[in-house]
N, C-alpha and C. Protein backbone atom coordinates (compact mmCIF):
# COMPACT_ATOMS: atom_id res chain seq x y z
N MET A 1 0.48 -1.30 -0.17
CA MET A 1 -0.45 -0.19 -0.18
C MET A 1 0.71 0.95 0.64
N LEU A 2 1.82 1.26 0.85
CA LEU A 2 2.95 2.53 1.13
C LEU A 2 3.68 2.77 -0.87
N GLU A 3 3.67 1.70 -1.21
CA GLU A 3 4.45 1.62 -2.43
C GLU A 3 3.49 2.40 -3.61
N LEU A 4 1.90 1.68 -3.54
CA LEU A 4 0.79 2.66 -3.97
C LEU A 4 0.67 3.84 -4.12
N ILE A 5 0.56 4.37 -3.10
CA ILE A 5 1.14 5.47 -2.36
C ILE A 5 2.13 6.55 -3.09
N GLY A 6 2.78 6.10 -2.69
CA GLY A 6 4.00 6.44 -2.72
C GLY A 6 4.50 6.56 -4.12
N GLU A 7 4.15 5.70 -5.12
CA GLU A 7 3.77 6.18 -6.84
C GLU A 7 2.43 6.82 -7.30
N HIS A 8 1.88 6.97 -6.12
CA HIS A 8 0.73 8.02 -7.21
C HIS A 8 1.29 9.45 -6.51
N PHE A 9 1.27 9.42 -5.44
CA PHE A 9 2.04 10.87 -4.90
C PHE A 9 3.17 10.95 -5.61
N HIS A 10 4.17 10.47 -6.01
CA HIS A 10 5.37 10.40 -6.48
C HIS A 10 6.23 11.03 -5.09
N LEU A 11 5.96 10.06 -3.92
CA LEU A 11 6.82 10.71 -3.27
C LEU A 11 7.68 9.35 -2.46
N LYS A 12 9.08 9.45 -2.08
CA LYS A 12 9.45 8.15 -1.31
C LYS A 12 8.64 7.32 0.02
N SER A 13 9.41 6.15 0.21
CA SER A 13 8.93 5.48 0.87
C SER A 13 8.56 5.61 2.97
N ALA A 14 9.32 6.91 3.32
CA ALA A 14 9.51 7.67 4.41
C ALA A 14 7.94 8.83 4.27
N GLN A 15 8.50 8.90 3.18
CA GLN A 15 6.50 10.40 3.13
C GLN A 15 5.60 9.66 2.89
N SER A 16 5.60 8.25 2.06
CA SER A 16 4.69 7.73 2.34
C SER A 16 3.83 7.42 3.43
N LEU A 17 4.86 6.39 4.02
CA LEU A 17 4.55 5.98 5.35
C LEU A 17 3.50 6.90 6.31
N GLU A 18 4.40 8.18 6.52
CA GLU A 18 3.67 9.11 7.35
C GLU A 18 2.16 9.63 6.63
N LEU A 19 2.20 10.34 4.93
CA LEU A 19 1.09 10.14 4.86
C LEU A 19 -0.16 9.00 4.77
N LEU A 20 0.32 7.65 4.97
CA LEU A 20 -0.32 7.05 5.17
C LEU A 20 -1.11 6.89 6.84
N HIS A 21 -0.07 7.23 7.32
CA HIS A 21 -0.02 7.28 9.39
C HIS A 21 -1.01 8.85 8.97
N ARG A 22 -1.46 10.02 8.90
CA ARG A 22 -2.04 11.15 8.49
C ARG A 22 -2.79 10.26 8.73
N ALA A 23 -3.51 9.72 7.25
CA ALA A 23 -5.13 9.82 6.97
C ALA A 23 -6.09 8.72 7.82
N MET A 24 -4.67 8.31 7.89
CA MET A 24 -5.61 6.52 9.39
C MET A 24 -5.83 7.23 10.68
N THR A 25 -4.65 8.14 11.20
CA THR A 25 -5.46 9.05 12.49
C THR A 25 -6.36 9.74 12.06
N SER A 26 -5.93 10.49 10.82
CA SER A 26 -7.47 11.30 10.71
C SER A 26 -8.75 10.42 10.53
N ILE A 27 -9.17 9.18 9.80
CA ILE A 27 -10.04 8.54 9.85
C ILE A 27 -10.41 7.95 11.50
N ALA A 28 -9.30 7.63 11.96
CA ALA A 28 -9.57 7.06 13.49
C ALA A 28 -10.35 7.89 14.52
N GLU A 29 -10.13 9.49 14.48
CA GLU A 29 -10.73 10.52 14.61
C GLU A 29 -12.26 10.90 14.54
N ASN A 30 -12.05 10.56 13.16
CA ASN A 30 -13.31 10.44 12.18
C ASN A 30 -14.39 10.16 12.38
N PRO A 31 -15.16 9.59 12.97
CA PRO A 31 -16.66 8.78 13.16
C PRO A 31 -17.41 8.58 12.11
N ASP A 32 -17.32 9.60 11.25
CA ASP A 32 -18.25 10.11 10.31
C ASP A 32 -17.18 9.51 9.24
N LEU A 33 -17.05 8.60 9.51
CA LEU A 33 -16.19 7.43 7.80
C LEU A 33 -17.17 7.81 6.85
N GLU A 34 -18.52 6.98 6.64
CA GLU A 34 -19.43 7.09 5.53
C GLU A 34 -19.21 8.78 5.03
N ASN A 35 -19.16 9.45 5.44
CA ASN A 35 -19.61 10.76 5.51
C ASN A 35 -18.28 11.14 4.48
N LEU A 36 -17.29 10.54 4.74
CA LEU A 36 -15.88 11.15 4.56
C LEU A 36 -15.73 9.64 2.59
N LEU A 37 -15.75 9.47 3.11
CA LEU A 37 -16.05 7.78 1.95
C LEU A 37 -16.99 8.79 1.09
N ASN A 38 -17.67 9.32 0.73
CA ASN A 38 -18.85 9.39 0.65
C ASN A 38 -18.08 10.66 -0.51
N GLN A 39 -18.13 11.78 0.51
CA GLN A 39 -16.77 12.99 -0.45
C GLN A 39 -15.91 12.38 -1.16
N LEU A 40 -15.38 11.38 -0.84
CA LEU A 40 -14.22 10.95 -2.25
C LEU A 40 -14.25 10.63 -3.49
N SER A 41 -16.46 10.06 -3.15
CA SER A 41 -16.45 10.16 -4.49
C SER A 41 -17.15 10.75 -5.49
N THR A 42 -17.12 11.57 -5.02
CA THR A 42 -17.19 13.12 -5.92
C THR A 42 -15.29 13.55 -6.82
N ILE A 43 -14.76 13.18 -5.47
CA ILE A 43 -13.22 13.92 -6.26
C ILE A 43 -13.09 12.56 -7.06
N LEU A 44 -12.39 11.58 -6.46
CA LEU A 44 -12.03 10.63 -7.43
C LEU A 44 -12.36 10.15 -8.61
N SER A 45 -11.31 9.91 -9.83
CA SER A 45 -11.29 10.44 -11.18
C SER A 45 -11.33 8.27 -10.82
N GLU A 46 -12.02 7.96 -11.70
CA GLU A 46 -12.61 6.43 -11.71
C GLU A 46 -11.22 5.36 -11.90
N HIS A 47 -10.25 6.06 -12.64
CA HIS A 47 -8.71 5.58 -12.27
C HIS A 47 -8.45 5.12 -11.10
N ASP A 48 -8.66 6.83 -10.58
CA ASP A 48 -8.09 7.01 -8.80
C ASP A 48 -9.24 5.88 -8.44
N LYS A 49 -10.31 5.38 -8.40
CA LYS A 49 -11.53 4.17 -7.61
C LYS A 49 -10.90 3.26 -8.06
N GLU A 50 -10.34 2.94 -9.14
CA GLU A 50 -9.68 1.42 -9.63
C GLU A 50 -7.83 1.10 -8.67
N ASP A 51 -7.30 2.34 -8.87
CA ASP A 51 -6.44 2.42 -7.37
C ASP A 51 -6.80 2.23 -6.49
N VAL A 52 -7.86 2.61 -5.84
CA VAL A 52 -8.44 2.30 -4.42
C VAL A 52 -8.80 0.86 -4.26
N ALA A 53 -9.48 0.52 -5.42
CA ALA A 53 -10.34 -0.90 -5.38
C ALA A 53 -8.47 -1.92 -4.93
N VAL A 54 -7.94 -1.60 -5.77
CA VAL A 54 -6.36 -2.92 -5.37
C VAL A 54 -5.91 -2.23 -4.64
N MET A 55 -5.92 -1.47 -3.90
CA MET A 55 -5.90 -0.63 -2.01
C MET A 55 -5.90 -1.88 -1.52
N MET A 56 -7.42 -1.69 -1.48
CA MET A 56 -7.89 -2.05 -0.58
C MET A 56 -8.20 -4.02 -0.01
N MET A 57 -8.14 -4.59 -2.05
CA MET A 57 -7.55 -5.94 -2.11
C MET A 57 -6.81 -6.60 -1.16
N LYS A 58 -5.50 -5.10 -1.88
CA LYS A 58 -4.11 -5.83 -1.25
C LYS A 58 -3.91 -6.10 0.46
N VAL A 59 -4.91 -4.91 1.44
CA VAL A 59 -5.34 -4.48 2.42
C VAL A 59 -5.52 -6.32 2.92
N VAL A 60 -7.14 -6.89 1.90
CA VAL A 60 -7.68 -7.82 2.77
C VAL A 60 -6.50 -9.03 2.65
N ALA A 61 -5.35 -9.24 2.04
CA ALA A 61 -4.48 -10.77 1.06
C ALA A 61 -3.71 -9.82 1.91
N ALA A 62 -3.89 -8.95 2.79
CA ALA A 62 -1.76 -8.87 3.68
C ALA A 62 -1.76 -10.45 4.35
N ASP A 63 -2.99 -10.71 5.12
CA ASP A 63 -2.52 -11.87 6.05
C ASP A 63 -2.38 -12.73 5.72
N GLY A 64 -3.39 -13.25 4.23
CA GLY A 64 -3.22 -14.50 3.60
C GLY A 64 -4.08 -15.06 3.40
N ARG A 65 -5.26 -14.51 4.35
CA ARG A 65 -5.99 -15.31 4.35
C ARG A 65 -7.37 -14.29 3.72
N ARG A 66 -8.54 -15.48 3.01
CA ARG A 66 -10.01 -14.84 2.60
C ARG A 66 -11.19 -14.82 3.68
N ASP A 67 -11.29 -13.55 4.11
CA ASP A 67 -12.36 -13.67 5.35
C ASP A 67 -13.36 -12.82 4.89
N ALA A 68 -15.15 -13.52 5.21
CA ALA A 68 -16.25 -13.20 4.27
C ALA A 68 -15.88 -11.38 4.69
N ASP A 69 -16.75 -11.54 6.05
CA ASP A 69 -16.51 -10.02 6.48
C ASP A 69 -15.51 -8.78 6.07
N GLU A 70 -13.15 -9.13 6.14
CA GLU A 70 -13.04 -8.27 5.05
C GLU A 70 -14.14 -8.43 3.84
N MET A 71 -14.36 -9.04 3.38
CA MET A 71 -14.62 -8.85 1.87
C MET A 71 -16.31 -8.18 1.93
N GLU A 72 -17.05 -8.53 2.45
CA GLU A 72 -17.84 -7.66 2.70
C GLU A 72 -17.86 -6.04 3.14
N LYS A 73 -17.15 -6.10 3.98
CA LYS A 73 -16.29 -4.69 4.32
C LYS A 73 -15.31 -3.89 3.12
N MET A 74 -14.95 -4.50 2.25
CA MET A 74 -14.16 -3.83 1.35
C MET A 74 -15.88 -3.20 0.11
N ARG A 75 -16.57 -4.63 -0.07
CA ARG A 75 -17.84 -4.06 -1.33
C ARG A 75 -18.25 -3.25 -0.35
N LYS A 76 -18.31 -2.33 0.74
CA LYS A 76 -19.47 -1.89 1.10
C LYS A 76 -18.61 -0.67 1.18
N ALA A 77 -17.81 -0.54 1.42
CA ALA A 77 -16.61 0.62 1.65
C ALA A 77 -16.74 1.59 0.22
N GLY A 78 -16.21 0.12 -1.11
CA GLY A 78 -16.26 0.75 -2.38
C GLY A 78 -17.43 0.71 -3.11
N GLU A 79 -18.78 0.56 -2.36
CA GLU A 79 -20.50 1.38 -2.68
C GLU A 79 -20.10 2.22 -2.48
N ILE A 80 -19.43 3.00 -1.37
CA ILE A 80 -20.00 4.55 -0.21
C ILE A 80 -18.74 5.01 -1.66
N VAL A 81 -17.68 4.81 -1.59
CA VAL A 81 -17.11 5.49 -2.29
C VAL A 81 -17.22 5.61 -4.25
N GLY A 82 -18.17 5.37 -4.57
CA GLY A 82 -18.70 4.94 -5.86
C GLY A 82 -18.22 4.62 -6.85
N ILE A 83 -17.02 3.04 -6.23
CA ILE A 83 -16.61 1.99 -6.80
C ILE A 83 -17.46 1.34 -7.96
N SER A 84 -17.96 1.36 -8.93
CA SER A 84 -18.56 1.18 -9.83
C SER A 84 -18.46 -0.42 -9.65
N ALA A 85 -19.56 -1.50 -10.18
CA ALA A 85 -19.47 -3.01 -10.86
C ALA A 85 -18.03 -3.07 -11.58
N ARG A 86 -18.35 -2.15 -12.31
CA ARG A 86 -17.31 -2.46 -13.82
C ARG A 86 -15.64 -2.16 -13.51
N THR A 87 -15.65 -0.53 -12.17
CA THR A 87 -14.58 -0.56 -12.12
C THR A 87 -13.90 -1.75 -10.88
N MET A 88 -14.51 -2.17 -10.26
CA MET A 88 -13.72 -3.02 -9.44
C MET A 88 -13.68 -4.54 -9.52
N HIS A 89 -14.49 -4.68 -10.56
CA HIS A 89 -13.98 -6.16 -11.67
C HIS A 89 -13.01 -5.99 -12.30
N SER A 90 -12.68 -4.60 -12.78
CA SER A 90 -11.12 -4.04 -13.50
C SER A 90 -10.00 -4.03 -11.72
N ALA A 91 -10.94 -4.12 -11.25
CA ALA A 91 -9.42 -4.00 -9.95
C ALA A 91 -9.21 -5.27 -10.19
N TYR A 92 -10.27 -5.70 -10.01
CA TYR A 92 -10.00 -7.84 -9.47
C TYR A 92 -8.92 -8.44 -10.43
N ASP A 93 -8.73 -8.08 -12.16
CA ASP A 93 -8.03 -8.80 -12.90
C ASP A 93 -7.04 -7.92 -12.96
N ARG A 94 -6.68 -6.19 -12.55
CA ARG A 94 -5.39 -6.23 -12.22
C ARG A 94 -4.88 -6.98 -11.13
N TYR A 95 -5.21 -6.94 -9.98
CA TYR A 95 -4.75 -7.24 -8.56
C TYR A 95 -4.18 -8.35 -8.80
N PHE A 96 -5.15 -9.18 -9.58
CA PHE A 96 -4.97 -10.88 -9.89
C PHE A 96 -3.47 -11.16 -10.71
N ALA A 97 -3.23 -10.57 -12.09
CA ALA A 97 -2.51 -9.93 -12.98
C ALA A 97 -1.19 -9.24 -12.05
N GLU A 98 -1.13 -8.50 -11.08
CA GLU A 98 -0.16 -8.10 -10.80
C GLU A 98 0.50 -9.13 -9.39
N THR A 99 -0.67 -9.48 -8.71
CA THR A 99 0.07 -10.77 -8.14
C THR A 99 0.83 -12.05 -8.36
N PHE A 100 0.07 -12.80 -9.48
CA PHE A 100 0.80 -13.55 -10.46
C PHE A 100 1.69 -13.57 -11.73
N THR A 101 2.21 -12.01 -11.95
CA THR A 101 3.25 -12.05 -12.37
C THR A 101 3.68 -10.97 -12.05
N GLY A 102 3.43 -10.45 -10.57
CA GLY A 102 4.56 -9.80 -9.79
C GLY A 102 4.81 -8.28 -10.39
N ASP A 103 3.99 -7.88 -11.64
CA ASP A 103 3.71 -6.59 -12.85
C ASP A 103 3.25 -5.05 -11.68
N GLU A 104 3.50 -3.86 -11.88
CA GLU A 104 2.52 -3.40 -11.11
C GLU A 104 2.07 -2.72 -12.59
N MET A 105 1.08 -2.26 -12.90
CA MET A 105 0.18 -2.23 -14.50
C MET A 105 0.30 -1.09 -13.68
């Protein structure tokens, strides 16, 4: 996830870690996460939404297990952010292509 953030914003790893830490802290301190995600849906392009979906998949897969609860939360977050089914399917394709080939698109 740090690598994706770093690449997207053209930042070094330390800067990416700081950006991610600040974002997570802000979200933890903001009980209105759904409203925040709704706001993101109006700001993000379809390409950005696909990047977010791929990042979410990487987070869900990080522990090496598939958990139905995690998948449902990812689906709901994607829905709130406005990630269309088409974009989500594109993100799945990209995630699996990157995972099995080691390439990042």
